[in-house]
Amino acid sequence: MNATKNNFTVGFYNVENLFDIYNDPKTRDDDFTPSGKKTWSYERYQDKLQKISAVISLLGTEHSTTSPVLIGLVEVENETVLRDLVQHPNLKEAPYAYVHYDSPDERGIDTALLYDKQHFELLESNAYPVYIENAHGYRDYTRDVLWVTGKLKGDKVHLLVTHWPSRKTGGENTSQKRIDAAMHLQEIIQTIYTTEPDAKIILLGDFNDNPTNESVQDYLVTEEFHNPMKQLFDPNSKGTTCYQGKWNLFDQIIVSKNFLEAHNHELSFKQAEIFDKEWLKIQRGKLKGSPFRTYIHKWYQEGYSDHFPVYATFTKNEF
């Protein structure tokens, strides 16, 4: 697909701990301070901003003449880092604004959405807490779902940005949490359909599950939705994050099927891709080929993120 003026892209990126350098006494961000375990400094923070903004500026430009119109982000600490990100010189060509709410996540990481004000008109936004419980019956505080409604190239769309519970204690041990998160997301989707039966919806997230896992395939991607990421996934060779030599495709963009059935002057979905350029990969050693991350455990690597970003290409139809 060649880049044309009618094409545009929507991206998603887990930016791996985009923290400022200041301690927030309300969250567990102590490691990401100059005196913390990771000796997170102003210079390292500025380098991270430079790298993430460079990736965003190039995301999907093979198919579009501009950087992404919309970018869902996860693992951002607060409004400060978003403001610093959109003001970075790498993004000066696009007038990005952002939508963000502080989540109750214990580490203080949030979901957010960047949008190009030339192509997206913000109408409404809200953050919806995800209530799940741990093995002891207590609430497990996690990231909110960000619901943003606006006009994308003139068409009304709903965007849901989500970051599901991690696999830190094992995929099977935590699978029910992600099923619960899927059911919560479905509740929001059904709320949308109650007032707008033909609503156009885009789901952007790090689901911490693959397109083939139960939470995504059976609970989230119902008959109203199409998951283009499923055909991209290969645990032996392709994904967005790598663990013990196996690939996962946790980062996904899922679209309502009416993007596939667009008519005159409407938006239509074309394709989705993983942005896995060679310069985003580790170049040597046993982790060669996996995402070039900022840290491996406590050791600073000067990389980008432990996830590759993904993007979807859309077209404004003109018949």
Protein backbone atom coordinates (compact mmCIF):
# COMPACT_ATOMS: atom_id res chain seq x y z
CA MET A 1 0.00 0.00 0.00
CA ASN A 2 1.47 3.34 -1.04
CA ALA A 3 1.30 6.47 1.09
CA THR A 4 -1.55 8.73 -0.05
CA LYS A 5 -3.26 11.79 1.35
CA ASN A 6 -6.41 9.73 2.01
CA ASN A 7 -4.58 7.23 4.19
CA PHE A 8 -3.90 7.82 7.86
CA THR A 9 -2.72 5.69 10.74
CA VAL A 10 -3.76 4.95 14.32
CA GLY A 11 -1.02 3.66 16.60
CA PHE A 12 -0.54 2.01 19.96
CA TYR A 13 2.65 1.89 22.05
CA ASN A 14 3.55 0.49 25.44
CA VAL A 15 6.39 2.90 26.19
CA GLU A 16 7.85 0.91 29.11
CA ASN A 17 7.88 3.07 32.22
CA LEU A 18 7.84 6.62 30.90
CA PHE A 19 8.42 8.24 34.30
CA ASP A 20 9.57 11.72 35.18
CA ILE A 21 12.39 12.01 37.74
CA TYR A 22 10.30 13.21 40.69
CA ASN A 23 9.05 11.08 43.54
CA ASP A 24 5.29 10.84 43.93
CA PRO A 25 4.55 9.87 47.55
CA LYS A 26 1.20 8.38 46.50
CA THR A 27 2.69 5.73 44.18
CA ARG A 28 5.52 3.21 44.00
CA ASP A 29 7.68 5.23 41.62
CA ASP A 30 10.75 5.39 43.87
CA ASP A 31 12.92 3.29 41.52
CA PHE A 32 12.50 5.91 38.82
CA THR A 33 14.13 8.78 40.70
CA PRO A 34 17.78 9.89 40.73
CA SER A 35 18.33 8.20 44.11
CA GLY A 36 16.29 5.08 43.25
CA LYS A 37 17.45 1.59 42.24
CA LYS A 38 17.48 2.51 38.56
CA THR A 39 19.25 5.87 39.10
CA TRP A 40 16.72 7.47 36.76
CA SER A 41 18.23 10.85 35.84
CA TYR A 42 17.20 13.94 33.90
CA GLU A 43 19.54 12.90 31.08
CA ARG A 44 18.02 9.42 30.88
CA TYR A 45 14.51 10.88 30.94
CA GLN A 46 15.35 13.26 28.08
CA ASP A 47 16.89 10.41 26.09
CA LYS A 48 13.74 8.36 26.60
CA LEU A 49 11.56 11.24 25.37
CA GLN A 50 13.79 11.65 22.32
CA LYS A 51 13.53 7.96 21.44
CA ILE A 52 9.78 7.54 22.02
CA SER A 53 8.94 10.73 20.10
CA ALA A 54 11.14 9.59 17.20
CA VAL A 55 9.26 6.28 16.99
CA ILE A 56 5.87 8.01 17.08
CA SER A 57 6.90 10.43 14.32
CA LEU A 58 7.74 7.51 12.00
CA LEU A 59 4.94 5.14 12.93
CA GLY A 60 3.05 4.13 9.79
CA THR A 61 4.62 6.69 7.48
CA GLU A 62 5.09 3.99 4.83
CA HIS A 63 1.35 4.18 4.27
CA SER A 64 0.48 7.73 5.32
CA THR A 65 1.94 11.12 4.53
CA THR A 66 1.73 12.14 8.20
CA SER A 67 2.56 10.70 11.61
CA PRO A 68 -0.33 8.89 13.35
CA VAL A 69 -3.54 10.81 13.84
CA LEU A 70 -4.16 8.93 17.09
CA ILE A 71 -1.76 7.07 19.39
CA GLY A 72 -2.85 5.07 22.41
CA LEU A 73 -0.16 4.95 25.09
CA VAL A 74 0.32 2.86 28.22
CA GLU A 75 2.90 2.95 31.01
CA VAL A 76 2.98 6.76 31.15
CA GLU A 77 3.32 8.14 34.65
CA ASN A 78 1.41 11.41 34.54
CA GLU A 79 0.44 14.53 32.64
CA THR A 80 3.97 15.94 32.95
CA VAL A 81 5.52 13.23 30.78
CA LEU A 82 2.76 13.59 28.18
CA ARG A 83 3.24 17.32 28.00
CA ASP A 84 6.99 16.88 27.61
CA LEU A 85 6.43 14.23 24.94
CA VAL A 86 4.08 16.23 22.71
CA GLN A 87 6.32 19.29 22.99
CA HIS A 88 9.41 17.40 21.85
CA PRO A 89 10.93 18.74 18.59
CA ASN A 90 10.48 15.32 16.93
CA LEU A 91 6.71 15.88 17.08
CA LYS A 92 6.62 19.54 16.12
CA GLU A 93 5.07 18.77 12.70
CA ALA A 94 1.86 17.44 14.27
CA PRO A 95 -0.15 19.56 16.73
CA TYR A 96 -0.66 16.76 19.27
CA ALA A 97 -2.85 17.15 22.31
CA TYR A 98 -3.55 14.40 24.83
CA VAL A 99 -6.25 12.84 26.98
CA HIS A 100 -5.16 11.48 30.34
CA TYR A 101 -6.53 10.64 33.78
CA ASP A 102 -4.62 9.44 36.82
CA SER A 103 -5.28 5.73 37.39
CA PRO A 104 -5.32 3.96 40.76
CA ASP A 105 -2.49 1.65 39.63
CA GLU A 106 -0.08 1.13 42.52
CA ARG A 107 2.97 1.92 40.40
CA GLY A 108 1.33 5.07 39.10
CA ILE A 109 1.27 4.12 35.42
CA ASP A 110 -1.65 5.24 33.30
CA THR A 111 -3.32 4.98 29.91
CA ALA A 112 -3.42 7.97 27.56
CA LEU A 113 -4.29 9.06 24.04
CA LEU A 114 -2.43 11.49 21.81
CA TYR A 115 -4.44 13.06 19.02
CA ASP A 116 -3.63 15.34 16.11
CA LYS A 117 -5.92 18.35 16.44
CA GLN A 118 -5.92 18.86 12.67
CA HIS A 119 -7.68 15.53 12.10
CA PHE A 120 -9.45 14.63 15.34
CA GLU A 121 -12.03 16.71 17.20
CA LEU A 122 -12.34 15.68 20.85
CA LEU A 123 -15.98 15.46 21.94
CA GLU A 124 -15.88 13.63 25.28
CA SER A 125 -13.62 11.50 27.48
CA ASN A 126 -13.83 9.49 30.67
CA ALA A 127 -11.77 7.03 32.67
CA TYR A 128 -13.40 3.83 33.92
CA PRO A 129 -11.85 1.86 36.79
CA VAL A 130 -11.41 -1.89 36.32
CA TYR A 131 -12.46 -3.73 39.47
CA ILE A 132 -10.69 -7.07 39.85
CA GLU A 133 -9.63 -9.05 42.90
CA ASN A 134 -6.44 -10.85 43.84
CA ALA A 135 -6.25 -14.43 45.15
CA HIS A 136 -7.05 -13.21 48.68
CA GLY A 137 -10.26 -11.43 47.68
CA TYR A 138 -8.85 -7.92 47.94
CA ARG A 139 -9.05 -5.38 45.16
CA ASP A 140 -6.13 -5.49 42.74
CA TYR A 141 -5.63 -1.91 41.65
CA THR A 142 -4.87 -1.67 37.94
CA ARG A 143 -5.07 0.80 35.08
CA ASP A 144 -8.33 2.49 34.11
CA VAL A 145 -9.91 2.09 30.68
CA LEU A 146 -9.72 5.39 28.83
CA TRP A 147 -12.83 6.07 26.74
CA VAL A 148 -12.47 8.88 24.20
CA THR A 149 -15.17 9.98 21.75
CA GLY A 150 -14.47 12.33 18.88
CA LYS A 151 -14.72 13.06 15.19
CA LEU A 152 -11.96 11.40 13.21
CA LYS A 153 -11.73 13.00 9.77
CA GLY A 154 -15.35 14.05 10.36
CA ASP A 155 -16.67 10.61 11.37
CA LYS A 156 -17.69 9.93 14.95
CA VAL A 157 -15.62 7.19 16.60
CA HIS A 158 -15.13 5.75 20.08
CA LEU A 159 -11.66 4.78 21.24
CA LEU A 160 -11.02 2.55 24.24
CA VAL A 161 -7.42 2.45 25.49
CA THR A 162 -6.67 -0.33 27.94
CA HIS A 163 -3.79 -2.05 29.76
CA TRP A 164 -4.82 -5.38 31.24
CA PRO A 165 -3.33 -7.05 34.35
CA SER A 166 0.15 -8.47 33.87
CA ARG A 167 1.41 -12.06 33.85
CA LYS A 168 3.94 -11.34 36.57
CA THR A 169 3.04 -14.45 38.59
CA GLY A 170 2.39 -16.61 35.51
CA GLY A 171 -0.04 -16.62 32.59
CA GLU A 172 -2.37 -19.31 33.94
CA ASN A 173 -2.35 -17.93 37.49
CA THR A 174 -3.49 -14.52 36.27
CA SER A 175 -5.72 -15.44 33.32
CA GLN A 176 -8.97 -14.85 35.22
CA LYS A 177 -7.95 -11.24 35.86
CA ARG A 178 -7.71 -10.62 32.14
CA ILE A 179 -11.01 -12.36 31.49
CA ASP A 180 -12.54 -10.05 34.09
CA ALA A 181 -10.92 -7.08 32.33
CA ALA A 182 -12.37 -8.26 29.00
CA MET A 183 -15.84 -8.50 30.52
CA HIS A 184 -15.49 -5.00 31.94
CA LEU A 185 -14.47 -3.69 28.53
CA GLN A 186 -17.48 -5.42 27.00
CA GLU A 187 -19.72 -3.61 29.47
CA ILE A 188 -18.41 -0.27 28.17
CA ILE A 189 -18.85 -1.44 24.57
CA GLN A 190 -22.46 -2.46 25.24
CA THR A 191 -23.09 0.93 26.87
CA ILE A 192 -21.96 2.55 23.63
CA TYR A 193 -24.18 0.29 21.53
CA THR A 194 -27.20 1.08 23.72
CA THR A 195 -27.34 4.62 22.35
CA GLU A 196 -25.41 4.08 19.09
CA PRO A 197 -26.14 0.64 17.57
CA ASP A 198 -23.91 1.40 14.57
CA ALA A 199 -21.08 2.99 16.54
CA LYS A 200 -17.56 2.79 15.15
CA ILE A 201 -15.21 1.56 17.86
CA ILE A 202 -11.43 1.08 17.99
CA LEU A 203 -9.85 -0.89 20.85
CA LEU A 204 -6.21 -0.05 21.58
CA GLY A 205 -4.34 -1.94 24.25
CA ASP A 206 -1.67 -4.02 25.84
CA PHE A 207 -3.88 -6.95 26.71
CA ASN A 208 -1.09 -9.06 28.26
CA ASP A 209 -2.69 -11.87 26.30
CA ASN A 210 -2.31 -12.92 22.68
CA PRO A 211 -5.06 -12.71 20.02
CA THR A 212 -5.55 -16.46 20.45
CA ASN A 213 -5.96 -16.40 24.23
CA GLU A 214 -9.38 -16.94 25.77
CA SER A 215 -9.76 -13.44 27.19
CA VAL A 216 -9.30 -11.77 23.78
CA GLN A 217 -10.63 -14.38 21.37
CA ASP A 218 -13.70 -15.54 23.31
CA TYR A 219 -14.63 -12.69 25.66
CA LEU A 220 -13.61 -9.54 23.79
CA VAL A 221 -13.70 -10.10 20.03
CA THR A 222 -17.38 -10.81 19.62
CA GLU A 223 -19.19 -10.93 16.27
CA GLU A 224 -19.20 -7.12 16.08
CA PHE A 225 -15.39 -6.94 15.98
CA HIS A 226 -12.45 -7.84 13.78
CA ASN A 227 -8.98 -8.49 15.19
CA PRO A 228 -6.41 -7.98 12.41
CA MET A 229 -3.56 -8.80 14.79
CA LYS A 230 -4.43 -12.49 14.86
CA GLN A 231 -2.99 -13.15 11.41
CA LEU A 232 0.26 -11.35 12.33
CA PHE A 233 1.02 -13.47 15.38
CA ASP A 234 3.63 -16.23 15.28
CA PRO A 235 5.07 -17.32 18.65
CA ASN A 236 8.23 -18.55 16.92
CA SER A 237 9.05 -15.47 14.88
CA LYS A 238 6.74 -12.45 15.22
CA GLY A 239 5.11 -10.42 17.95
CA THR A 240 5.54 -7.25 19.98
CA THR A 241 7.36 -8.60 23.03
CA CYS A 242 9.58 -11.60 23.61
CA TYR A 243 9.94 -13.80 26.70
CA GLN A 244 12.27 -16.79 27.02
CA GLY A 245 12.66 -17.03 23.26
CA LYS A 246 8.94 -17.01 22.48
CA TRP A 247 7.07 -14.09 20.95
CA ASN A 248 3.83 -12.61 22.27
CA LEU A 249 1.52 -10.18 20.54
CA PHE A 250 0.01 -8.47 23.55
CA ASP A 251 -0.26 -5.08 21.83
CA GLN A 252 -3.32 -5.02 19.62
CA ILE A 253 -5.62 -2.74 17.65
CA ILE A 254 -9.11 -4.22 17.23
CA VAL A 255 -11.82 -2.58 15.11
CA SER A 256 -15.58 -2.84 14.87
CA LYS A 257 -16.61 -4.61 11.66
CA ASN A 258 -18.39 -1.56 10.26
CA PHE A 259 -14.91 -0.21 9.44
CA LEU A 260 -14.75 -3.07 6.93
CA GLU A 261 -18.09 -2.16 5.35
CA ALA A 262 -17.57 1.55 4.80
CA HIS A 263 -19.47 3.53 2.19
CA ASN A 264 -18.96 6.83 0.40
CA HIS A 265 -17.01 9.42 2.45
CA GLU A 266 -16.70 7.05 5.41
CA LEU A 267 -13.62 5.71 7.16
CA SER A 268 -12.49 2.21 6.29
CA PHE A 269 -9.87 -0.04 7.85
CA LYS A 270 -7.14 -1.31 5.51
CA GLN A 271 -4.50 -3.24 7.46
CA ALA A 272 -2.55 -3.53 10.69
CA GLU A 273 1.18 -3.98 11.21
CA ILE A 274 3.86 -4.37 13.86
CA PHE A 275 6.47 -1.61 13.75
CA ASP A 276 9.54 -3.77 14.32
CA LYS A 277 12.34 -1.98 12.52
CA GLU A 278 15.87 -3.32 12.98
CA TRP A 279 16.95 -0.24 14.95
CA LEU A 280 14.27 -1.04 17.54
CA LYS A 281 15.86 -4.44 18.22
CA ILE A 282 18.71 -5.71 20.36
CA GLN A 283 21.59 -6.36 17.96
CA ARG A 284 23.67 -8.99 19.74
CA GLY A 285 23.68 -11.60 22.48
CA LYS A 286 21.07 -14.10 23.56
CA LEU A 287 18.31 -11.46 23.32
CA LYS A 288 19.20 -10.51 19.74
CA GLY A 289 16.14 -9.53 17.72
CA SER A 290 13.91 -8.76 20.71
CA PRO A 291 12.80 -5.18 21.54
CA PHE A 292 15.63 -2.84 22.54
CA ARG A 293 14.42 -1.90 25.98
CA THR A 294 15.31 0.84 28.44
CA TYR A 295 16.30 -1.52 31.25
CA ILE A 296 17.03 -5.21 31.67
CA HIS A 297 16.31 -5.67 35.36
CA LYS A 298 18.35 -2.90 37.05
CA TRP A 299 20.81 -2.43 34.17
CA TYR A 300 20.29 0.58 31.93
CA GLN A 301 20.35 -0.29 28.20
CA GLU A 302 19.66 3.11 26.55
CA GLY A 303 16.85 1.52 24.53
CA TYR A 304 13.29 2.39 23.58
CA SER A 305 10.81 -0.05 25.11
CA ASP A 306 10.36 -3.74 25.83
CA HIS A 307 7.44 -3.66 23.36
CA PHE A 308 7.26 -2.89 19.66
CA PRO A 309 4.47 -0.48 18.73
CA VAL A 310 1.65 -1.42 16.39
CA TYR A 311 -0.42 0.62 13.97
CA ALA A 312 -3.46 0.34 11.72
CA THR A 313 -3.99 2.08 8.40
CA PHE A 314 -7.35 3.60 7.55
CA THR A 315 -8.65 5.46 4.50
CA LYS A 316 -11.20 8.23 4.10
CA ASN A 317 -13.23 6.87 1.21
CA GLU A 318 -13.94 9.09 -1.74
CA PHE A 319 -16.02 7.27 -4.37
